[in-house]
Every structure is written in structure tokens, then in C-alpha cells.
N, C-alpha and C. Protein backbone atom coordinates (compact mmCIF):
# COMPACT_ATOMS: atom_id res chain seq x y z
N UNK A 1 17.74 -8.19 10.45
CA UNK A 1 16.15 -7.69 10.26
C UNK A 1 16.41 -6.06 9.36
N UNK A 2 16.34 -5.83 8.40
CA UNK A 2 16.07 -4.75 7.65
C UNK A 2 15.30 -3.58 8.36
N UNK A 3 15.66 -2.31 8.41
CA UNK A 3 14.84 -1.16 8.63
C UNK A 3 14.18 -0.39 7.78
N UNK A 4 12.95 -1.08 7.61
CA UNK A 4 11.83 -0.86 6.64
C UNK A 4 12.16 1.18 6.49
N UNK A 5 12.15 1.91 7.77
CA UNK A 5 11.76 2.92 8.18
C UNK A 5 12.98 3.91 7.10
N UNK A 6 14.23 2.99 7.46
CA UNK A 6 15.86 3.31 6.52
C UNK A 6 15.38 3.50 5.24
N UNK A 7 15.29 1.99 4.84
CA UNK A 7 14.96 1.91 3.71
C UNK A 7 13.88 2.77 2.43
N UNK A 8 12.84 2.88 3.08
CA UNK A 8 11.83 4.01 2.92
C UNK A 8 12.59 5.65 2.93
N UNK A 9 13.23 6.04 3.99
CA UNK A 9 13.70 7.14 3.74
C UNK A 9 14.89 7.10 2.18
N UNK A 10 15.61 6.04 1.92
CA UNK A 10 16.07 6.05 0.68
C UNK A 10 15.84 6.45 -0.35
N UNK A 11 14.00 5.46 -0.96
CA UNK A 11 13.38 5.36 -1.60
C UNK A 11 12.37 6.19 -1.62
N UNK A 12 12.26 7.14 -0.56
CA UNK A 12 11.25 8.25 -1.38
C UNK A 12 11.53 9.21 -1.97
N UNK A 13 12.65 9.91 -1.60
CA UNK A 13 13.49 10.90 -2.89
C UNK A 13 13.37 10.35 -4.12
N UNK A 14 13.75 9.27 -4.85
CA UNK A 14 13.74 8.92 -5.93
C UNK A 14 12.06 8.71 -6.35
N UNK A 15 11.40 8.62 -5.34
CA UNK A 15 9.78 8.35 -5.95
C UNK A 15 9.18 9.86 -6.31
N UNK A 16 9.55 10.75 -5.48
CA UNK A 16 9.08 12.31 -5.67
C UNK A 16 9.65 12.75 -6.51
N UNK A 17 11.67 12.29 -6.84
CA UNK A 17 11.87 12.92 -8.27
C UNK A 17 11.06 12.71 -9.31
N UNK A 18 10.33 11.35 -9.32
CA UNK A 18 9.67 10.92 -10.59
C UNK A 18 8.34 11.18 -10.63
N UNK A 19 7.52 12.03 -9.52
CA UNK A 19 6.59 12.31 -8.80
C UNK A 19 5.75 11.06 -8.87
N UNK A 20 6.29 10.59 -8.20
CA UNK A 20 5.35 9.22 -7.54
C UNK A 20 5.08 9.69 -6.02
N UNK A 21 4.11 8.33 -5.65
CA UNK A 21 4.28 8.77 -4.26
C UNK A 21 3.93 7.07 -3.92
N UNK A 22 4.90 7.06 -2.62
CA UNK A 22 4.63 5.52 -2.34
C UNK A 22 3.63 5.34 -1.18
N UNK A 23 3.14 3.90 -1.63
CA UNK A 23 1.65 3.62 -0.90
C UNK A 23 2.55 2.44 0.25
N UNK A 24 3.69 1.83 0.06
CA UNK A 24 3.93 1.02 1.14
C UNK A 24 5.34 0.31 0.60
N UNK A 25 6.56 0.25 1.36
CA UNK A 25 7.48 -0.28 1.66
C UNK A 25 7.67 -1.63 2.68
N UNK A 26 7.67 -2.62 2.38
CA UNK A 26 7.61 -3.97 2.79
C UNK A 26 8.46 -5.01 2.80
N UNK A 27 9.06 -5.64 4.02
CA UNK A 27 10.06 -6.95 3.30
C UNK A 27 8.86 -8.19 3.77
N UNK A 28 8.73 -9.12 2.47
CA UNK A 28 8.13 -10.41 2.50
C UNK A 28 9.13 -11.14 2.58
N UNK A 29 8.62 -12.42 2.93
CA UNK A 29 9.65 -13.95 2.92
C UNK A 29 10.50 -14.43 3.40
N UNK A 30 10.83 -13.75 4.65
CA UNK A 30 11.70 -14.01 5.67
C UNK A 30 13.34 -14.26 5.34
N UNK A 31 13.69 -15.17 5.66
CA UNK A 31 15.09 -15.73 5.49
C UNK A 31 15.30 -16.85 4.04
N UNK A 32 14.36 -17.68 3.73
CA UNK A 32 13.96 -18.32 2.77
C UNK A 32 14.13 -17.69 1.59
N UNK A 33 13.73 -16.44 1.50
CA UNK A 33 13.22 -15.93 -0.10
C UNK A 33 12.55 -14.52 0.43
N UNK A 34 13.35 -13.12 0.66
CA UNK A 34 13.00 -11.57 1.11
C UNK A 34 12.85 -11.27 -0.18
N UNK A 35 11.79 -10.54 -0.15
CA UNK A 35 11.54 -9.74 -0.98
C UNK A 35 11.16 -8.19 -0.44
N UNK A 36 11.91 -7.23 -0.98
CA UNK A 36 11.59 -5.94 -0.59
C UNK A 36 10.13 -5.37 -1.77
N UNK A 37 9.35 -5.28 -1.48
CA UNK A 37 8.01 -4.75 -1.89
C UNK A 37 8.17 -3.21 -1.87
N UNK A 38 8.28 -2.62 -2.92
CA UNK A 38 7.82 -1.19 -3.08
C UNK A 38 6.91 -0.71 -4.27
N UNK A 39 5.29 -0.36 -3.15
CA UNK A 39 4.47 0.04 -4.04
C UNK A 39 4.54 1.23 -3.91
N UNK A 40 4.14 2.12 -5.45
CA UNK A 40 4.00 3.74 -5.77
C UNK A 40 2.94 3.57 -6.62
N UNK A 41 2.87 5.26 -6.50
CA UNK A 41 1.84 5.04 -7.97
C UNK A 41 1.78 6.52 -8.21
N UNK A 42 1.39 7.42 -9.39
CA UNK A 42 1.36 8.53 -9.98
C UNK A 42 0.07 9.44 -9.02
N UNK A 43 0.16 10.16 -8.31
CA UNK A 43 -1.16 10.75 -7.26
C UNK A 43 -2.56 10.91 -8.21
N UNK A 44 -1.85 11.43 -9.64
CA UNK A 44 -3.70 12.13 -10.40
C UNK A 44 -3.92 10.55 -10.98
N UNK A 45 -3.24 9.84 -11.39
CA UNK A 45 -4.08 8.46 -11.74
C UNK A 45 -4.70 7.69 -11.02
N UNK A 46 -3.84 7.22 -9.48
CA UNK A 46 -3.54 6.10 -8.68
C UNK A 46 -3.17 4.87 -9.15
N UNK A 47 -1.78 4.94 -10.63
CA UNK A 47 -1.64 3.96 -10.83
C UNK A 47 0.25 4.32 -11.42
N UNK A 48 0.71 3.01 -11.87
CA UNK A 48 1.97 3.01 -12.48
C UNK A 48 2.37 2.37 -13.47
N UNK A 49 2.45 3.21 -14.82
CA UNK A 49 3.24 2.58 -15.54
C UNK A 49 4.37 1.29 -15.86
N UNK A 50 4.22 0.60 -16.26
CA UNK A 50 5.72 -0.14 -16.73
C UNK A 50 6.86 0.90 -16.68
N UNK A 51 6.91 1.72 -17.25
CA UNK A 51 8.07 2.68 -17.30
C UNK A 51 8.34 3.28 -16.14
N UNK A 52 7.34 3.81 -15.36
CA UNK A 52 7.63 4.10 -13.94
C UNK A 52 8.14 3.00 -13.12
N UNK A 53 7.56 1.91 -13.41
CA UNK A 53 8.59 0.93 -12.63
C UNK A 53 9.80 0.60 -13.02
N UNK A 54 9.91 0.36 -14.19
CA UNK A 54 11.26 0.28 -14.59
C UNK A 54 12.33 1.42 -14.17
N UNK A 55 11.58 2.49 -14.18
CA UNK A 55 12.56 3.84 -13.96
C UNK A 55 13.17 3.83 -12.29
N UNK A 56 11.99 3.73 -11.43
CA UNK A 56 12.05 3.77 -10.23
C UNK A 56 12.81 2.23 -9.73
N UNK A 57 13.02 1.58 -10.28
CA UNK A 57 13.21 0.57 -9.80
C UNK A 57 15.01 0.43 -10.19
N UNK A 58 15.41 0.91 -11.35
CA UNK A 58 16.70 1.29 -11.58
C UNK A 58 17.16 2.32 -10.57
N UNK A 59 16.37 3.67 -10.23
CA UNK A 59 16.95 4.54 -9.37
C UNK A 59 17.47 3.85 -8.15
N UNK A 60 16.42 2.94 -7.08
CA UNK A 60 16.46 2.95 -6.22
C UNK A 60 17.37 1.36 -5.85
N UNK A 61 17.59 0.39 -7.08
CA UNK A 61 18.31 -0.40 -7.19
C UNK A 61 19.87 -0.33 -6.68
N UNK A 62 20.55 0.99 -7.91
CA UNK A 62 21.53 2.23 -7.66
C UNK A 62 21.45 2.43 -6.43
N UNK A 63 20.86 2.94 -5.56
CA UNK A 63 20.96 3.43 -4.33
C UNK A 63 21.16 2.23 -3.22
N UNK A 64 20.31 1.20 -2.92
CA UNK A 64 20.41 0.26 -1.89
C UNK A 64 21.68 -0.46 -2.64
N UNK A 65 22.53 -0.81 -3.62
CA UNK A 65 23.49 -1.10 -3.91
C UNK A 65 24.61 -0.63 -3.16
N UNK A 66 24.06 1.20 -3.54
CA UNK A 66 25.54 1.32 -2.73
C UNK A 66 25.92 1.73 -1.64
N UNK A 67 24.37 1.65 -0.43
CA UNK A 67 23.81 1.90 0.56
C UNK A 67 23.98 0.57 1.44
N UNK A 68 23.36 -0.37 0.93
CA UNK A 68 23.78 -1.98 1.59
C UNK A 68 22.96 -1.93 2.62
N UNK A 69 21.33 -1.46 2.72
CA UNK A 69 20.87 -1.56 3.97
C UNK A 69 20.29 -2.81 4.68
N UNK A 70 20.57 -3.31 3.81
CA UNK A 70 19.90 -5.06 3.88
C UNK A 70 21.09 -6.05 3.83
N UNK A 71 21.59 -6.89 5.18
CA UNK A 71 22.03 -7.41 4.58
C UNK A 71 22.25 -9.04 4.05
N UNK A 72 21.12 -9.63 3.74
CA UNK A 72 21.12 -10.54 3.19
C UNK A 72 20.34 -10.44 1.32
N UNK A 73 20.73 -11.10 0.48
CA UNK A 73 20.49 -11.33 -0.76
C UNK A 73 18.96 -11.02 -0.82
N UNK A 74 18.34 -10.93 -1.40
CA UNK A 74 16.99 -9.86 -1.86
C UNK A 74 16.28 -9.60 -3.21
N UNK A 75 14.66 -10.00 -3.33
CA UNK A 75 14.59 -9.63 -4.64
C UNK A 75 13.91 -7.97 -4.27
N UNK A 76 13.84 -7.23 -5.19
CA UNK A 76 13.14 -6.12 -5.36
C UNK A 76 12.05 -6.39 -6.02
N UNK A 77 11.10 -5.76 -5.54
CA UNK A 77 9.81 -5.57 -6.31
C UNK A 77 9.21 -4.29 -6.71
N UNK A 78 8.58 -3.87 -7.60
CA UNK A 78 8.08 -2.47 -7.76
C UNK A 78 7.08 -2.74 -8.19
N UNK A 79 5.75 -2.20 -7.74
CA UNK A 79 4.47 -2.24 -8.15
C UNK A 79 3.35 -1.31 -8.31
N UNK A 80 2.42 -1.27 -8.82
CA UNK A 80 1.19 -0.72 -8.71
C UNK A 80 0.59 -1.31 -7.11
N UNK A 81 0.35 -0.07 -6.86
CA UNK A 81 -1.23 -0.83 -5.64
C UNK A 81 -1.73 -2.01 -5.91
N UNK A 82 -2.31 -1.74 -7.24
CA UNK A 82 -3.85 -2.69 -7.79
C UNK A 82 -4.79 -1.91 -7.08
N UNK A 83 -5.76 -3.01 -8.23
CA UNK A 83 -7.27 -2.18 -7.65
C UNK A 83 -7.68 -2.32 -6.55
N UNK A 84 -7.61 -3.93 -5.75
CA UNK A 84 -7.83 -4.14 -4.65
C UNK A 84 -6.89 -3.58 -3.57
N UNK A 85 -5.96 -2.77 -3.32
CA UNK A 85 -4.69 -1.93 -2.69
C UNK A 85 -4.62 -2.13 -1.44
N UNK A 86 -3.67 -2.08 -0.87
CA UNK A 86 -3.39 -1.95 0.57
C UNK A 86 -3.70 0.03 1.09
N UNK A 87 -4.29 -0.27 2.14
CA UNK A 87 -4.59 1.40 2.65
C UNK A 87 -3.74 1.52 3.76
N UNK A 88 -2.39 1.60 3.35
CA UNK A 88 -1.88 1.98 4.58
C UNK A 88 -1.27 3.54 4.84
N UNK A 89 -2.05 4.69 4.07
CA UNK A 89 -1.84 6.17 4.68
C UNK A 89 -3.29 6.59 4.87
N UNK A 90 -3.17 7.51 6.19
CA UNK A 90 -4.86 7.66 6.33
C UNK A 90 -5.25 8.30 5.79
N UNK A 91 -4.59 9.41 4.65
CA UNK A 91 -5.74 9.93 3.87
C UNK A 91 -6.17 8.52 2.41
N UNK A 92 -6.01 7.72 3.03
CA UNK A 92 -6.19 5.90 2.23
C UNK A 92 -8.10 6.14 2.36
N UNK A 93 -7.94 6.43 3.82
CA UNK A 93 -9.23 6.12 4.23
C UNK A 93 -10.42 7.04 3.35
N UNK A 94 -9.76 8.15 3.44
CA UNK A 94 -10.99 9.01 3.18
C UNK A 94 -10.90 8.93 1.13
N UNK A 95 -9.61 9.44 1.07
CA UNK A 95 -9.62 9.17 -1.01
C UNK A 95 -10.56 8.14 -0.87
N UNK A 96 -10.63 6.74 -0.41
CA UNK A 96 -11.30 5.52 -0.98
C UNK A 96 -12.82 5.40 0.13
N UNK A 97 -13.26 6.78 0.68
CA UNK A 97 -14.77 6.35 1.21
C UNK A 97 -15.75 6.24 0.60
N UNK A 98 -16.55 4.89 1.21
CA UNK A 98 -18.09 4.47 -0.34
C UNK A 98 -17.31 3.07 -0.14
N UNK A 99 -16.35 2.70 -0.47
CA UNK A 99 -16.06 1.14 -0.94
C UNK A 99 -15.75 0.49 0.44
N UNK A 100 -15.67 -0.81 0.11
CA UNK A 100 -15.62 -2.00 1.29
C UNK A 100 -13.86 -1.86 1.44
N UNK A 101 -13.60 -2.53 2.81
CA UNK A 101 -12.83 -2.81 2.65
C UNK A 101 -12.28 -4.07 3.67
N UNK A 102 -11.54 -4.52 3.99
CA UNK A 102 -11.17 -5.74 4.78
C UNK A 102 -10.09 -5.40 5.97
N UNK A 103 -10.01 -4.48 7.47
CA UNK A 103 -9.51 -4.61 8.21
C UNK A 103 -8.81 -5.32 9.39
N UNK A 104 -7.91 -5.16 9.56
CA UNK A 104 -6.96 -6.02 10.55
C UNK A 104 -7.10 -5.83 11.74
N UNK A 105 -6.90 -5.15 12.82
CA UNK A 105 -6.66 -4.11 14.36
C UNK A 105 -5.54 -5.03 14.88
N UNK A 106 -4.64 -4.14 15.58
CA UNK A 106 -3.66 -4.29 16.64
C UNK A 106 -4.96 -4.61 17.99
N UNK A 107 -5.42 -3.85 18.38
CA UNK A 107 -6.24 -4.19 19.42
C UNK A 107 -7.41 -4.32 19.34
N UNK A 108 -8.63 -5.34 19.39
CA UNK A 108 -9.88 -5.50 19.19
C UNK A 108 -10.82 -4.24 19.75
N UNK A 109 -11.82 -3.68 18.53
CA UNK A 109 -12.68 -3.37 19.18
C UNK A 109 -13.78 -3.75 19.29
N UNK A 110 -14.92 -3.69 19.92
CA UNK A 110 -16.03 -4.01 20.32
C UNK A 110 -16.33 -5.49 19.93
N UNK A 111 -15.14 -6.05 20.62
CA UNK A 111 -14.72 -7.61 20.61
C UNK A 111 -14.17 -8.21 19.16
N UNK A 112 -14.15 -7.57 18.51
CA UNK A 112 -13.37 -7.88 16.64
C UNK A 112 -11.94 -7.17 16.44
N UNK A 113 -11.49 -7.97 16.12
CA UNK A 113 -9.97 -7.71 15.51
C UNK A 113 -10.19 -7.46 13.93
N UNK A 114 -10.93 -8.02 13.51
CA UNK A 114 -10.69 -8.45 11.72
C UNK A 114 -12.33 -8.32 10.90
N UNK A 115 -12.61 -7.56 10.45
CA UNK A 115 -13.60 -7.61 9.65
C UNK A 115 -13.55 -6.67 8.34
N UNK A 116 -15.02 -6.72 7.42
CA UNK A 116 -14.90 -5.79 6.78
C UNK A 116 -16.36 -4.75 6.91
N UNK A 117 -15.86 -3.92 6.24
CA UNK A 117 -16.69 -2.63 6.43
C UNK A 117 -16.74 -1.69 5.22
N UNK A 118 -17.62 -0.62 5.32
CA UNK A 118 -17.47 0.26 3.88
C UNK A 118 -17.01 1.32 4.86
N UNK A 119 -15.81 1.79 4.01
CA UNK A 119 -15.40 3.21 4.49
C UNK A 119 -16.12 4.55 4.94
N UNK A 120 -15.97 4.86 5.75
CA UNK A 120 -17.18 6.23 5.76
C UNK A 120 -16.14 7.75 6.11
N UNK A 121 -14.92 7.33 5.72
CA UNK A 121 -14.27 8.67 5.76
C UNK A 121 -13.57 9.11 7.23
N UNK A 122 -13.03 10.07 7.61
CA UNK A 122 -11.93 9.99 8.66
C UNK A 122 -12.70 11.28 9.43
N UNK A 123 -12.42 11.41 11.03
CA UNK A 123 -12.74 12.46 11.99
C UNK A 123 -11.42 12.60 12.86
N UNK A 124 -10.60 13.23 11.98
CA UNK A 124 -8.90 13.83 12.82
C UNK A 124 -8.46 12.60 12.11
N UNK A 125 -7.95 11.99 13.35
CA UNK A 125 -6.93 10.39 13.25
C UNK A 125 -7.85 9.34 14.09
N UNK A 126 -8.92 9.60 13.32
CA UNK A 126 -10.33 8.44 13.40
C UNK A 126 -10.91 7.94 12.55
N UNK A 127 -10.58 6.71 12.06
CA UNK A 127 -10.67 5.99 10.79
C UNK A 127 -12.33 5.63 10.74
N UNK A 128 -13.22 6.23 10.31
CA UNK A 128 -14.89 5.36 10.55
C UNK A 128 -15.06 4.44 9.04
N UNK A 129 -16.02 3.57 10.03
CA UNK A 129 -16.21 2.48 9.26
C UNK A 129 -17.58 2.69 9.50
N UNK A 130 -18.20 1.53 8.89
CA UNK A 130 -19.46 0.68 8.56
C UNK A 130 -19.30 -0.89 9.11
N UNK A 131 -19.15 -1.53 10.02
CA UNK A 131 -19.07 -3.12 9.61
C UNK A 131 -20.43 -3.62 8.75
N UNK A 132 -20.21 -4.27 7.62
CA UNK A 132 -20.63 -4.77 6.78
C UNK A 132 -21.97 -5.95 7.51
N UNK A 133 -21.44 -6.85 8.37
CA UNK A 133 -22.28 -7.94 9.01
C UNK A 133 -23.01 -7.34 9.56
N UNK A 134 -23.13 -5.95 10.69
CA UNK A 134 -23.92 -6.07 11.57
C UNK A 134 -24.21 -4.41 11.59
N UNK A 135 -23.67 -3.97 10.54
CA UNK A 135 -24.21 -2.30 10.29
C UNK A 135 -23.60 -1.42 11.31
N UNK A 136 -22.95 -1.72 11.80
CA UNK A 136 -22.20 -1.14 13.26
C UNK A 136 -21.54 0.18 12.87
N UNK A 137 -21.56 1.73 12.83
CA UNK A 137 -20.42 2.24 12.72
C UNK A 137 -19.43 2.57 14.07
N UNK A 138 -18.26 2.39 13.38
CA UNK A 138 -16.56 2.49 14.17
C UNK A 138 -16.14 3.63 13.88
N UNK A 139 -15.27 4.38 15.21
CA UNK A 139 -14.42 4.80 15.02
C UNK A 139 -13.07 4.48 15.41
N UNK A 140 -11.68 4.19 14.66
CA UNK A 140 -10.94 3.63 14.85
C UNK A 140 -10.03 4.41 14.94
N UNK A 141 -8.96 4.21 15.94
CA UNK A 141 -7.62 4.69 15.94
C UNK A 141 -6.41 4.59 14.58
N UNK A 142 -6.33 5.57 13.76
CA UNK A 142 -5.52 5.13 12.90
C UNK A 142 -3.98 3.90 12.98
N UNK A 143 -3.71 4.49 14.15
CA UNK A 143 -2.49 3.44 14.94
C UNK A 143 -3.17 2.24 15.58
N UNK A 144 -4.59 1.84 15.45
CA UNK A 144 -4.94 0.60 15.96
C UNK A 144 -4.84 -0.29 14.54
N UNK A 145 -4.81 -0.06 13.41
CA UNK A 145 -5.05 -0.94 11.72
C UNK A 145 -3.79 -1.47 11.75
N UNK A 146 -3.73 -2.99 11.54
CA UNK A 146 -2.49 -3.31 11.46
C UNK A 146 -2.35 -3.63 9.93
N UNK A 147 -3.55 -3.72 9.22
CA UNK A 147 -3.83 -4.05 8.06
C UNK A 147 -4.77 -3.33 7.27
N UNK A 148 -4.99 -3.18 6.36
CA UNK A 148 -6.06 -2.69 5.21
C UNK A 148 -6.39 -2.57 3.72
N UNK A 149 -7.28 -3.09 3.38
CA UNK A 149 -7.37 -3.35 1.90
C UNK A 149 -8.77 -3.27 1.23
N UNK A 150 -8.75 -2.59 -0.10
CA UNK A 150 -9.93 -2.74 -0.27
C UNK A 150 -10.08 -3.98 -1.21
N UNK A 151 -11.56 -4.06 -0.72
CA UNK A 151 -12.40 -5.53 -1.56
C UNK A 151 -12.67 -5.27 -2.76
N UNK A 152 -12.20 -6.29 -3.47
CA UNK A 152 -12.92 -6.27 -5.14
C UNK A 152 -14.38 -6.27 -5.21
N UNK A 153 -14.73 -5.32 -5.66
CA UNK A 153 -16.60 -4.87 -5.71
C UNK A 153 -16.99 -4.67 -7.31
N UNK A 154 -18.07 -4.56 -7.64
CA UNK A 154 -18.37 -4.45 -8.95
C UNK A 154 -18.24 -2.79 -8.85
N UNK A 155 -18.59 -1.69 -7.48
CA UNK A 155 -18.75 -0.88 -7.63
C UNK A 155 -17.04 -0.14 -7.53
N UNK A 156 -16.28 -0.66 -7.05
CA UNK A 156 -14.84 -0.79 -7.62
C UNK A 156 -14.14 -0.22 -8.76
N UNK A 157 -14.56 -1.58 -9.26
CA UNK A 157 -14.10 -1.86 -10.47
C UNK A 157 -14.65 -1.01 -11.46
N UNK A 158 -15.97 -0.85 -10.89
CA UNK A 158 -16.15 0.75 -12.12
C UNK A 158 -16.17 2.06 -11.74
N UNK A 159 -15.58 2.21 -10.66
CA UNK A 159 -14.75 3.21 -10.38
C UNK A 159 -13.92 3.46 -10.37
N UNK A 160 -12.65 1.97 -11.33
CA UNK A 160 -11.54 2.35 -11.39
C UNK A 160 -11.51 2.38 -13.45
N UNK A 161 -12.96 1.98 -13.54
CA UNK A 161 -12.68 1.76 -15.16
C UNK A 161 -12.16 2.22 -16.01
N UNK A 162 -12.39 4.07 -15.89
CA UNK A 162 -11.43 4.39 -16.59
C UNK A 162 -9.92 4.90 -16.72
N UNK A 163 -9.52 4.06 -16.14
CA UNK A 163 -8.20 4.22 -15.69
C UNK A 163 -7.64 2.84 -16.50
N UNK A 164 -6.00 3.78 -17.08
CA UNK A 164 -5.36 2.38 -17.98
C UNK A 164 -5.30 1.20 -17.66
N UNK A 165 -5.70 0.52 -18.24
CA UNK A 165 -5.00 -0.93 -17.97
C UNK A 165 -3.22 -1.53 -17.16
N UNK A 166 -2.90 -0.30 -18.24
CA UNK A 166 -1.36 -0.34 -17.76
C UNK A 166 -0.61 -0.21 -16.22
N UNK A 167 -1.77 0.31 -15.88
CA UNK A 167 -1.51 0.93 -14.06
C UNK A 167 -1.03 -0.58 -13.10
N UNK A 168 -1.37 -1.57 -13.47
CA UNK A 168 -1.02 -3.15 -12.70
C UNK A 168 0.03 -3.76 -13.20
N UNK A 169 0.84 -3.19 -13.75
CA UNK A 169 2.53 -3.71 -14.00
C UNK A 169 3.85 -3.79 -12.45
N UNK A 170 4.13 -4.79 -12.54
CA UNK A 170 5.27 -5.13 -11.68
C UNK A 170 6.52 -5.67 -12.18
N UNK A 171 7.38 -4.80 -11.37
CA UNK A 171 8.92 -5.51 -12.24
C UNK A 171 9.26 -6.03 -11.02
N UNK A 172 10.32 -7.01 -11.16
CA UNK A 172 10.90 -7.91 -10.06
C UNK A 172 12.38 -8.11 -10.67
N UNK A 173 13.38 -7.61 -9.08
CA UNK A 173 14.76 -8.07 -10.26
C UNK A 173 15.49 -8.60 -8.73
N UNK A 174 16.51 -9.41 -8.79
CA UNK A 174 17.20 -10.42 -8.13
C UNK A 174 18.10 -9.23 -7.68
N UNK A 175 18.81 -9.58 -6.28
CA UNK A 175 19.27 -8.37 -5.82
C UNK A 175 20.61 -8.92 -5.61
């Protein structure tokens, strides 16, 4: 199994050199079709152009080929996080306050591990949300969030509409 922290450490300097911020580095597909997914964005636009994808892909491909941190053959996928993006950093929950998200928790809060909620911001390292179905406000430790992603809503589409359509590009390469 590949060590994502090591791989992230190899990739991050290349992203930063290009003025990009990493959103997620993850391995998917298991042994049958492993894919290393790298999501990045320009902090000012929250997008990634096809040129950004290609340049980041070239840089990290060379580094990964040299250091060989992944034993088996894999596919490298470099992409923008997209409109219904994953929320992977604590700051994402503040940046996207007011929008709706689907959260999955490690440990249940009020007997629930998965629910849709409006993001209400942060209180220190607690993510504050209002559950859509029950209207209940919860404060969840960031470390208890297994996964979260924005829900595609009219409000989200409207808020991101001024952004260029070039930002939803993906590059996949076999390694």
C-alpha cells in the first residue's frame, strides 16, 4: 500500500512552485486498477486550467518515476476539484459556509454518521453545520469527518458561474 503522506510530500513542492494548492491526494481502485488522484487548484480562482493540469502532471510524473514510492503500476490523474468538490481541509468548511454538503463521519454524532447539512463555518477546530432534514445545528470535530463534499445546488452553480469553464479539466496518464 502506498504511503499517501510520503507521496503528498513529494507532490506538494511542485504544486506550490506552480502557485497551486493541493486539495486532495488519494489512491483509488485497489490492486486491479490503482489510480493516484491529485486534485489541485489556484487559490485565487479555485480552478485549474488544462495547462496547469499538464504542467503539474509532468512535474510530479518525473518525481514519482525517480523516487518510485508506489510499487505497482498505476494511473496518475491530475484534476481540479470540480464544482461539487470534496472538502478536505479545515479551511474548506469556512470558505464554503452557506452552501450544502454531504458529510460522512467516523464516529456518529446524535446517532448519525451520514447526513446532508448547510455549512455554517468554524469554531476553532469544530465544523459547525445545520442538518438539512432536522434543522439541528451540530459542532463536529474536524478529525471526526471521514469525508465531505459540496452538494450540487442552484446556489452553488450561481456562486461559481463567473468562473471559467476551463477549470474542470482532467489529465490521466498511465505510469
